Amino acid sequence: MMSFFIYFFIVVAGIVALIFIIGLLLPNERTATSECYYNASPEKVYNALTNNADYGYRSDLEEIVIIEENDGIEVWDEIAKNGSVIRFRTAHKKPYSLYEFDIVRGNGFTGHWKGELKATSTGGTHFTSTETIRMKNPFLKVLSRLFFNLEKFMHTYQNDLRVKLSEDIA
């Protein structure tokens, strides 16, 4: 019976060591970029992007708590429906064309988000968002690749924003 536990421990320790080694080999940064088009003007899209007080259209959020606001620079917590809390800070704003913020404190990660808006010939908006997350913990690097799909989160946000903008247009 004792040998079973020894073999079991060796197998579990081997799996943990393998995950750790894989995590050490993975890069500390992950980046995803997504593009979409909205029928709304860059001004409308920008105003929706930068208005953290109006978060009701976000299907993945329970709440946004604005911690600090000073001259257009905000620090805020996004509380997801699953209870996780991520803190953000405005990095740069250029009305109707650029919005950037830093991920100050996540669940073991930090990062940066950049949204670029360009007017289309039809008066709509070409929207490009790029998110970079950084993490050092080898286990988190492996887990993030298995369970944290950056592209899915970006598409959810873009689709939620599409619903918000169509409500504003109507």
N, C-alpha and C. Protein backbone atom coordinates (compact mmCIF):
# COMPACT_ATOMS: atom_id res chain seq x y z
N MET A 1 0.82 -1.20 0.00
CA MET A 1 0.00 0.00 0.00
C MET A 1 0.86 1.26 0.00
N MET A 2 1.95 1.24 0.74
CA MET A 2 2.82 2.39 0.83
C MET A 2 3.45 2.71 -0.51
N SER A 3 3.76 1.72 -1.29
CA SER A 3 4.38 1.96 -2.59
C SER A 3 3.42 2.69 -3.54
N PHE A 4 2.12 2.43 -3.40
CA PHE A 4 1.14 3.15 -4.23
C PHE A 4 1.23 4.65 -3.96
N PHE A 5 1.29 5.05 -2.70
CA PHE A 5 1.37 6.46 -2.34
C PHE A 5 2.68 7.08 -2.80
N ILE A 6 3.73 6.33 -2.75
CA ILE A 6 5.02 6.84 -3.22
C ILE A 6 4.96 7.09 -4.72
N TYR A 7 4.42 6.11 -5.48
CA TYR A 7 4.28 6.30 -6.92
C TYR A 7 3.33 7.45 -7.25
N PHE A 8 2.25 7.53 -6.50
CA PHE A 8 1.29 8.62 -6.71
C PHE A 8 1.95 9.97 -6.47
N PHE A 9 2.71 10.09 -5.39
CA PHE A 9 3.42 11.32 -5.08
C PHE A 9 4.43 11.67 -6.16
N ILE A 10 5.16 10.68 -6.64
CA ILE A 10 6.15 10.90 -7.70
C ILE A 10 5.47 11.40 -8.97
N VAL A 11 4.34 10.81 -9.33
CA VAL A 11 3.60 11.23 -10.54
C VAL A 11 3.10 12.67 -10.38
N VAL A 12 2.50 12.98 -9.24
CA VAL A 12 1.99 14.34 -8.99
C VAL A 12 3.14 15.34 -8.98
N ALA A 13 4.23 15.02 -8.32
CA ALA A 13 5.39 15.92 -8.28
C ALA A 13 5.95 16.11 -9.69
N GLY A 14 5.96 15.06 -10.49
CA GLY A 14 6.44 15.16 -11.87
C GLY A 14 5.56 16.07 -12.71
N ILE A 15 4.25 15.97 -12.53
CA ILE A 15 3.32 16.83 -13.27
C ILE A 15 3.51 18.29 -12.86
N VAL A 16 3.63 18.54 -11.57
CA VAL A 16 3.85 19.90 -11.08
C VAL A 16 5.16 20.45 -11.62
N ALA A 17 6.21 19.63 -11.60
CA ALA A 17 7.51 20.07 -12.11
C ALA A 17 7.43 20.36 -13.61
N LEU A 18 6.72 19.54 -14.36
CA LEU A 18 6.56 19.75 -15.80
C LEU A 18 5.83 21.06 -16.08
N ILE A 19 4.75 21.32 -15.36
CA ILE A 19 4.01 22.57 -15.53
C ILE A 19 4.91 23.76 -15.20
N PHE A 20 5.68 23.65 -14.13
CA PHE A 20 6.60 24.71 -13.73
C PHE A 20 7.64 24.98 -14.82
N ILE A 21 8.21 23.93 -15.37
CA ILE A 21 9.23 24.09 -16.42
C ILE A 21 8.61 24.70 -17.67
N ILE A 22 7.44 24.23 -18.05
CA ILE A 22 6.75 24.83 -19.22
C ILE A 22 6.51 26.31 -18.97
N GLY A 23 6.04 26.66 -17.76
CA GLY A 23 5.79 28.05 -17.42
C GLY A 23 7.04 28.91 -17.48
N LEU A 24 8.16 28.35 -17.06
CA LEU A 24 9.42 29.09 -17.15
C LEU A 24 9.81 29.38 -18.60
N LEU A 25 9.45 28.48 -19.50
CA LEU A 25 9.80 28.64 -20.91
C LEU A 25 8.86 29.58 -21.67
N LEU A 26 7.66 29.78 -21.14
CA LEU A 26 6.70 30.66 -21.81
C LEU A 26 7.09 32.13 -21.61
N PRO A 27 6.79 32.99 -22.59
CA PRO A 27 7.09 34.42 -22.42
C PRO A 27 6.23 35.04 -21.31
N ASN A 28 6.74 36.11 -20.72
CA ASN A 28 6.02 36.80 -19.64
C ASN A 28 4.85 37.63 -20.16
N GLU A 29 4.81 37.92 -21.46
CA GLU A 29 3.75 38.75 -22.03
C GLU A 29 2.89 37.97 -23.01
N ARG A 30 1.61 38.33 -23.00
CA ARG A 30 0.66 37.85 -24.01
C ARG A 30 -0.03 39.07 -24.59
N THR A 31 -0.17 39.09 -25.91
CA THR A 31 -0.81 40.23 -26.56
C THR A 31 -1.87 39.72 -27.53
N ALA A 32 -3.00 40.41 -27.55
CA ALA A 32 -4.06 40.10 -28.51
C ALA A 32 -4.57 41.42 -29.09
N THR A 33 -4.90 41.39 -30.37
CA THR A 33 -5.46 42.55 -31.06
C THR A 33 -6.74 42.13 -31.76
N SER A 34 -7.73 43.01 -31.70
CA SER A 34 -9.01 42.73 -32.35
C SER A 34 -9.51 44.00 -33.03
N GLU A 35 -10.10 43.85 -34.20
CA GLU A 35 -10.64 44.98 -34.95
C GLU A 35 -12.12 44.75 -35.22
N CYS A 36 -12.86 45.84 -35.27
CA CYS A 36 -14.26 45.77 -35.66
C CYS A 36 -14.71 47.14 -36.17
N TYR A 37 -15.91 47.18 -36.69
CA TYR A 37 -16.48 48.41 -37.22
C TYR A 37 -17.80 48.68 -36.52
N TYR A 38 -18.04 49.95 -36.23
CA TYR A 38 -19.31 50.39 -35.66
C TYR A 38 -19.93 51.43 -36.58
N ASN A 39 -21.24 51.46 -36.64
CA ASN A 39 -21.93 52.47 -37.44
C ASN A 39 -21.92 53.83 -36.75
N ALA A 40 -21.61 53.86 -35.48
CA ALA A 40 -21.58 55.11 -34.72
C ALA A 40 -20.31 55.89 -35.02
N SER A 41 -20.37 57.19 -34.80
CA SER A 41 -19.22 58.07 -35.04
C SER A 41 -18.11 57.80 -34.02
N PRO A 42 -16.85 58.16 -34.36
CA PRO A 42 -15.77 58.01 -33.37
C PRO A 42 -16.06 58.74 -32.06
N GLU A 43 -16.74 59.87 -32.12
CA GLU A 43 -17.07 60.61 -30.91
C GLU A 43 -17.98 59.78 -30.00
N LYS A 44 -19.02 59.16 -30.58
CA LYS A 44 -19.94 58.33 -29.78
C LYS A 44 -19.23 57.12 -29.19
N VAL A 45 -18.39 56.48 -30.01
CA VAL A 45 -17.67 55.30 -29.54
C VAL A 45 -16.70 55.69 -28.43
N TYR A 46 -15.96 56.76 -28.63
CA TYR A 46 -15.00 57.24 -27.63
C TYR A 46 -15.72 57.57 -26.32
N ASN A 47 -16.83 58.27 -26.41
CA ASN A 47 -17.57 58.65 -25.20
C ASN A 47 -18.07 57.42 -24.45
N ALA A 48 -18.48 56.39 -25.17
CA ALA A 48 -18.91 55.15 -24.51
C ALA A 48 -17.72 54.43 -23.89
N LEU A 49 -16.59 54.39 -24.60
CA LEU A 49 -15.39 53.72 -24.10
C LEU A 49 -14.89 54.33 -22.81
N THR A 50 -14.90 55.64 -22.73
CA THR A 50 -14.27 56.34 -21.61
C THR A 50 -15.20 56.62 -20.44
N ASN A 51 -16.47 56.26 -20.56
CA ASN A 51 -17.44 56.53 -19.50
C ASN A 51 -17.56 55.32 -18.58
N ASN A 52 -16.70 55.25 -17.59
CA ASN A 52 -16.71 54.11 -16.68
C ASN A 52 -17.91 54.09 -15.73
N ALA A 53 -18.60 55.22 -15.61
CA ALA A 53 -19.78 55.26 -14.75
C ALA A 53 -20.96 54.54 -15.40
N ASP A 54 -20.93 54.40 -16.72
CA ASP A 54 -22.01 53.74 -17.46
C ASP A 54 -21.51 52.37 -17.92
N TYR A 55 -21.64 51.38 -17.06
CA TYR A 55 -21.11 50.05 -17.34
C TYR A 55 -22.22 49.00 -17.46
N GLY A 56 -23.46 49.40 -17.38
CA GLY A 56 -24.57 48.45 -17.35
C GLY A 56 -24.66 47.56 -18.57
N TYR A 57 -24.14 47.99 -19.69
CA TYR A 57 -24.20 47.20 -20.93
C TYR A 57 -23.16 46.07 -20.94
N ARG A 58 -22.21 46.10 -20.01
CA ARG A 58 -21.13 45.10 -19.98
C ARG A 58 -21.64 43.79 -19.39
N SER A 59 -21.74 42.78 -20.21
CA SER A 59 -22.32 41.50 -19.79
C SER A 59 -21.44 40.71 -18.82
N ASP A 60 -20.16 41.03 -18.75
CA ASP A 60 -19.24 40.28 -17.90
C ASP A 60 -19.00 40.93 -16.55
N LEU A 61 -19.58 42.11 -16.32
CA LEU A 61 -19.28 42.86 -15.09
C LEU A 61 -20.46 42.89 -14.13
N GLU A 62 -20.10 42.85 -12.87
CA GLU A 62 -21.06 43.07 -11.80
C GLU A 62 -21.11 44.56 -11.47
N GLU A 63 -19.90 45.18 -11.47
CA GLU A 63 -19.84 46.59 -11.05
C GLU A 63 -18.49 47.19 -11.44
N ILE A 64 -18.49 48.51 -11.62
CA ILE A 64 -17.26 49.29 -11.71
C ILE A 64 -17.29 50.29 -10.58
N VAL A 65 -16.20 50.32 -9.82
CA VAL A 65 -16.07 51.26 -8.71
C VAL A 65 -14.95 52.23 -9.06
N ILE A 66 -15.30 53.50 -9.22
CA ILE A 66 -14.28 54.51 -9.52
C ILE A 66 -13.63 54.91 -8.21
N ILE A 67 -12.34 54.65 -8.10
CA ILE A 67 -11.58 54.88 -6.87
C ILE A 67 -11.11 56.33 -6.80
N GLU A 68 -10.70 56.85 -7.95
CA GLU A 68 -10.11 58.19 -7.98
C GLU A 68 -10.35 58.78 -9.36
N GLU A 69 -10.60 60.09 -9.40
CA GLU A 69 -10.75 60.80 -10.68
C GLU A 69 -10.09 62.16 -10.52
N ASN A 70 -9.16 62.46 -11.42
CA ASN A 70 -8.47 63.73 -11.35
C ASN A 70 -8.17 64.20 -12.77
N ASP A 71 -8.90 65.20 -13.23
CA ASP A 71 -8.64 65.81 -14.52
C ASP A 71 -8.71 64.81 -15.68
N GLY A 72 -9.70 63.92 -15.64
CA GLY A 72 -9.89 62.95 -16.71
C GLY A 72 -9.10 61.67 -16.54
N ILE A 73 -8.22 61.63 -15.57
CA ILE A 73 -7.45 60.42 -15.29
C ILE A 73 -8.18 59.68 -14.16
N GLU A 74 -8.55 58.44 -14.42
CA GLU A 74 -9.30 57.67 -13.44
C GLU A 74 -8.52 56.44 -13.00
N VAL A 75 -8.82 56.03 -11.78
CA VAL A 75 -8.41 54.73 -11.27
C VAL A 75 -9.71 54.04 -10.89
N TRP A 76 -9.90 52.80 -11.37
CA TRP A 76 -11.15 52.12 -11.11
C TRP A 76 -10.94 50.62 -10.98
N ASP A 77 -11.87 50.00 -10.27
CA ASP A 77 -11.90 48.55 -10.13
C ASP A 77 -13.06 48.01 -10.94
N GLU A 78 -12.79 46.99 -11.72
CA GLU A 78 -13.85 46.26 -12.41
C GLU A 78 -14.07 44.96 -11.65
N ILE A 79 -15.30 44.76 -11.21
CA ILE A 79 -15.65 43.56 -10.46
C ILE A 79 -16.45 42.67 -11.40
N ALA A 80 -15.87 41.55 -11.77
CA ALA A 80 -16.50 40.63 -12.70
C ALA A 80 -17.64 39.87 -12.03
N LYS A 81 -18.51 39.29 -12.82
CA LYS A 81 -19.61 38.52 -12.27
C LYS A 81 -19.12 37.33 -11.47
N ASN A 82 -17.91 36.85 -11.76
CA ASN A 82 -17.36 35.73 -10.99
C ASN A 82 -16.67 36.19 -9.70
N GLY A 83 -16.67 37.51 -9.45
CA GLY A 83 -16.12 38.05 -8.22
C GLY A 83 -14.69 38.56 -8.30
N SER A 84 -13.99 38.28 -9.39
CA SER A 84 -12.60 38.75 -9.48
C SER A 84 -12.59 40.27 -9.67
N VAL A 85 -11.55 40.90 -9.13
CA VAL A 85 -11.42 42.35 -9.17
C VAL A 85 -10.11 42.70 -9.88
N ILE A 86 -10.20 43.60 -10.85
CA ILE A 86 -9.02 44.07 -11.56
C ILE A 86 -9.01 45.60 -11.47
N ARG A 87 -7.86 46.15 -11.12
CA ARG A 87 -7.72 47.60 -11.00
C ARG A 87 -7.05 48.17 -12.26
N PHE A 88 -7.59 49.30 -12.73
CA PHE A 88 -7.11 49.96 -13.94
C PHE A 88 -6.79 51.42 -13.63
N ARG A 89 -5.97 52.01 -14.50
CA ARG A 89 -5.65 53.44 -14.40
C ARG A 89 -5.51 54.00 -15.80
N THR A 90 -6.18 55.12 -16.05
CA THR A 90 -6.08 55.78 -17.35
C THR A 90 -4.62 56.12 -17.63
N ALA A 91 -4.17 55.80 -18.83
CA ALA A 91 -2.79 56.10 -19.22
C ALA A 91 -2.74 57.28 -20.19
N HIS A 92 -3.66 57.31 -21.15
CA HIS A 92 -3.63 58.36 -22.17
C HIS A 92 -4.99 58.45 -22.85
N LYS A 93 -5.41 59.67 -23.09
CA LYS A 93 -6.65 59.93 -23.83
C LYS A 93 -6.39 60.97 -24.90
N LYS A 94 -6.87 60.70 -26.08
CA LYS A 94 -6.86 61.68 -27.16
C LYS A 94 -8.27 61.63 -27.74
N PRO A 95 -9.09 62.65 -27.42
CA PRO A 95 -10.51 62.59 -27.77
C PRO A 95 -10.78 62.12 -29.20
N TYR A 96 -11.66 61.13 -29.23
CA TYR A 96 -12.25 60.56 -30.44
C TYR A 96 -11.29 59.72 -31.27
N SER A 97 -10.04 59.51 -30.79
CA SER A 97 -9.13 58.68 -31.59
C SER A 97 -8.31 57.67 -30.77
N LEU A 98 -8.08 57.93 -29.47
CA LEU A 98 -7.21 57.04 -28.71
C LEU A 98 -7.61 57.03 -27.24
N TYR A 99 -7.63 55.82 -26.67
CA TYR A 99 -7.87 55.65 -25.24
C TYR A 99 -6.98 54.50 -24.78
N GLU A 100 -6.18 54.77 -23.74
CA GLU A 100 -5.28 53.76 -23.21
C GLU A 100 -5.39 53.71 -21.70
N PHE A 101 -5.29 52.51 -21.16
CA PHE A 101 -5.23 52.38 -19.70
C PHE A 101 -4.32 51.22 -19.33
N ASP A 102 -3.83 51.30 -18.10
CA ASP A 102 -2.95 50.27 -17.57
C ASP A 102 -3.74 49.35 -16.66
N ILE A 103 -3.40 48.08 -16.69
CA ILE A 103 -3.92 47.11 -15.73
C ILE A 103 -2.93 47.14 -14.58
N VAL A 104 -3.35 47.79 -13.51
CA VAL A 104 -2.46 48.04 -12.38
C VAL A 104 -2.32 46.80 -11.51
N ARG A 105 -3.45 46.14 -11.28
CA ARG A 105 -3.44 44.96 -10.42
C ARG A 105 -4.54 44.01 -10.87
N GLY A 106 -4.14 42.86 -11.34
CA GLY A 106 -5.09 41.82 -11.71
C GLY A 106 -4.89 40.63 -10.78
N ASN A 107 -5.35 39.52 -11.22
CA ASN A 107 -5.17 38.29 -10.43
C ASN A 107 -3.84 37.66 -10.80
N GLY A 108 -2.76 38.30 -10.36
CA GLY A 108 -1.42 37.81 -10.65
C GLY A 108 -0.82 38.37 -11.93
N PHE A 109 -1.44 39.39 -12.49
CA PHE A 109 -0.91 39.96 -13.73
C PHE A 109 -1.10 41.48 -13.75
N THR A 110 -0.35 42.12 -14.62
CA THR A 110 -0.51 43.54 -14.92
C THR A 110 -0.61 43.64 -16.43
N GLY A 111 -0.74 44.86 -16.97
CA GLY A 111 -0.80 44.96 -18.42
C GLY A 111 -1.19 46.34 -18.91
N HIS A 112 -1.61 46.36 -20.17
CA HIS A 112 -1.94 47.61 -20.84
C HIS A 112 -3.00 47.32 -21.90
N TRP A 113 -3.92 48.27 -22.08
CA TRP A 113 -4.96 48.18 -23.10
C TRP A 113 -4.94 49.46 -23.91
N LYS A 114 -5.08 49.31 -25.22
CA LYS A 114 -5.07 50.47 -26.12
C LYS A 114 -6.22 50.32 -27.11
N GLY A 115 -7.03 51.38 -27.21
CA GLY A 115 -8.12 51.41 -28.18
C GLY A 115 -7.91 52.56 -29.15
N GLU A 116 -7.89 52.24 -30.44
CA GLU A 116 -7.70 53.25 -31.48
C GLU A 116 -8.97 53.34 -32.32
N LEU A 117 -9.39 54.57 -32.59
CA LEU A 117 -10.61 54.81 -33.35
C LEU A 117 -10.28 55.64 -34.58
N LYS A 118 -10.80 55.21 -35.73
CA LYS A 118 -10.62 55.95 -36.98
C LYS A 118 -11.96 56.05 -37.67
N ALA A 119 -12.26 57.26 -38.16
CA ALA A 119 -13.51 57.48 -38.88
C ALA A 119 -13.48 56.72 -40.21
N THR A 120 -14.61 56.13 -40.56
CA THR A 120 -14.73 55.47 -41.86
C THR A 120 -15.36 56.44 -42.85
N SER A 121 -15.31 56.11 -44.11
CA SER A 121 -15.88 56.99 -45.14
C SER A 121 -17.39 57.13 -45.01
N THR A 122 -18.03 56.21 -44.30
CA THR A 122 -19.49 56.26 -44.13
C THR A 122 -19.90 56.95 -42.84
N GLY A 123 -18.93 57.47 -42.08
CA GLY A 123 -19.24 58.15 -40.83
C GLY A 123 -19.21 57.24 -39.62
N GLY A 124 -18.86 55.98 -39.83
CA GLY A 124 -18.75 55.03 -38.73
C GLY A 124 -17.36 55.06 -38.14
N THR A 125 -17.03 54.00 -37.41
CA THR A 125 -15.75 53.93 -36.71
C THR A 125 -15.09 52.57 -36.93
N HIS A 126 -13.83 52.62 -37.29
CA HIS A 126 -12.98 51.43 -37.30
C HIS A 126 -12.29 51.41 -35.94
N PHE A 127 -12.55 50.37 -35.17
CA PHE A 127 -12.05 50.28 -33.80
C PHE A 127 -11.05 49.13 -33.69
N THR A 128 -9.86 49.44 -33.21
CA THR A 128 -8.83 48.43 -32.99
C THR A 128 -8.43 48.47 -31.52
N SER A 129 -8.51 47.33 -30.87
CA SER A 129 -8.07 47.27 -29.47
C SER A 129 -6.95 46.24 -29.34
N THR A 130 -5.97 46.60 -28.53
CA THR A 130 -4.83 45.73 -28.27
C THR A 130 -4.65 45.62 -26.77
N GLU A 131 -4.55 44.41 -26.28
CA GLU A 131 -4.35 44.18 -24.85
C GLU A 131 -3.11 43.34 -24.66
N THR A 132 -2.28 43.79 -23.73
CA THR A 132 -1.08 43.05 -23.36
C THR A 132 -1.15 42.77 -21.87
N ILE A 133 -0.98 41.52 -21.51
CA ILE A 133 -0.91 41.18 -20.08
C ILE A 133 0.48 40.63 -19.80
N ARG A 134 0.94 40.92 -18.59
CA ARG A 134 2.27 40.48 -18.15
C ARG A 134 2.14 39.70 -16.85
N MET A 135 2.86 38.60 -16.78
CA MET A 135 2.89 37.81 -15.55
C MET A 135 4.22 37.09 -15.45
N LYS A 136 4.69 36.92 -14.23
CA LYS A 136 5.98 36.27 -14.00
C LYS A 136 5.83 34.86 -13.45
N ASN A 137 4.76 34.60 -12.74
CA ASN A 137 4.56 33.30 -12.11
C ASN A 137 4.42 32.21 -13.17
N PRO A 138 5.29 31.21 -13.17
CA PRO A 138 5.26 30.17 -14.20
C PRO A 138 3.94 29.38 -14.22
N PHE A 139 3.36 29.13 -13.05
CA PHE A 139 2.09 28.40 -13.01
C PHE A 139 0.97 29.23 -13.62
N LEU A 140 0.95 30.54 -13.29
CA LEU A 140 -0.08 31.42 -13.86
C LEU A 140 0.06 31.54 -15.38
N LYS A 141 1.29 31.56 -15.88
CA LYS A 141 1.49 31.65 -17.33
C LYS A 141 0.85 30.46 -18.03
N VAL A 142 1.00 29.27 -17.45
CA VAL A 142 0.39 28.07 -18.04
C VAL A 142 -1.13 28.14 -17.91
N LEU A 143 -1.61 28.45 -16.70
CA LEU A 143 -3.05 28.51 -16.47
C LEU A 143 -3.73 29.57 -17.34
N SER A 144 -3.06 30.72 -17.53
CA SER A 144 -3.67 31.78 -18.34
C SER A 144 -3.87 31.34 -19.78
N ARG A 145 -2.95 30.54 -20.28
CA ARG A 145 -3.09 30.05 -21.66
C ARG A 145 -4.18 29.00 -21.78
N LEU A 146 -4.44 28.30 -20.69
CA LEU A 146 -5.47 27.27 -20.71
C LEU A 146 -6.87 27.83 -20.46
N PHE A 147 -6.97 28.84 -19.58
CA PHE A 147 -8.29 29.27 -19.12
C PHE A 147 -8.61 30.75 -19.33
N PHE A 148 -7.70 31.54 -19.85
CA PHE A 148 -7.92 32.98 -20.00
C PHE A 148 -7.74 33.35 -21.46
N ASN A 149 -8.82 33.32 -22.20
CA ASN A 149 -8.80 33.58 -23.63
C ASN A 149 -8.94 35.08 -23.87
N LEU A 150 -7.82 35.76 -24.12
CA LEU A 150 -7.84 37.21 -24.33
C LEU A 150 -8.76 37.60 -25.47
N GLU A 151 -8.70 36.88 -26.57
CA GLU A 151 -9.51 37.22 -27.74
C GLU A 151 -11.00 37.13 -27.41
N LYS A 152 -11.39 36.12 -26.65
CA LYS A 152 -12.80 35.97 -26.27
C LYS A 152 -13.27 37.15 -25.43
N PHE A 153 -12.44 37.57 -24.47
CA PHE A 153 -12.80 38.72 -23.64
C PHE A 153 -12.93 39.98 -24.50
N MET A 154 -12.02 40.14 -25.47
CA MET A 154 -12.07 41.32 -26.34
C MET A 154 -13.33 41.31 -27.20
N HIS A 155 -13.68 40.15 -27.74
CA HIS A 155 -14.88 40.06 -28.58
C HIS A 155 -16.15 40.28 -27.76
N THR A 156 -16.17 39.77 -26.54
CA THR A 156 -17.33 40.01 -25.67
C THR A 156 -17.50 41.51 -25.43
N TYR A 157 -16.40 42.19 -25.12
CA TYR A 157 -16.47 43.63 -24.89
C TYR A 157 -16.94 44.36 -26.15
N GLN A 158 -16.38 44.02 -27.29
CA GLN A 158 -16.75 44.69 -28.54
C GLN A 158 -18.22 44.45 -28.88
N ASN A 159 -18.71 43.25 -28.64
CA ASN A 159 -20.13 42.97 -28.90
C ASN A 159 -21.03 43.70 -27.91
N ASP A 160 -20.63 43.75 -26.64
CA ASP A 160 -21.40 44.52 -25.66
C ASP A 160 -21.44 45.99 -26.05
N LEU A 161 -20.32 46.52 -26.51
CA LEU A 161 -20.26 47.92 -26.94
C LEU A 161 -21.16 48.14 -28.15
N ARG A 162 -21.20 47.17 -29.05
CA ARG A 162 -22.08 47.27 -30.23
C ARG A 162 -23.54 47.41 -29.80
N VAL A 163 -23.94 46.61 -28.82
CA VAL A 163 -25.32 46.70 -28.29
C VAL A 163 -25.55 48.08 -27.68
N LYS A 164 -24.60 48.55 -26.89
CA LYS A 164 -24.71 49.88 -26.26
C LYS A 164 -24.86 50.97 -27.31
N LEU A 165 -24.04 50.93 -28.35
CA LEU A 165 -24.07 51.97 -29.39
C LEU A 165 -25.36 51.91 -30.19
N SER A 166 -25.88 50.74 -30.43
CA SER A 166 -27.13 50.66 -31.19
C SER A 166 -28.29 51.19 -30.35
N GLU A 167 -28.20 51.01 -29.02
CA GLU A 167 -29.24 51.57 -28.14
C GLU A 167 -29.15 53.09 -28.16
N ASP A 168 -27.92 53.63 -28.16
CA ASP A 168 -27.74 55.09 -28.17
C ASP A 168 -28.22 55.70 -29.49
N ILE A 169 -28.06 54.96 -30.60
CA ILE A 169 -28.45 55.49 -31.91
C ILE A 169 -29.97 55.51 -32.05
N ALA A 170 -30.62 54.50 -31.53
CA ALA A 170 -32.09 54.37 -31.69
C ALA A 170 -32.84 55.47 -31.00
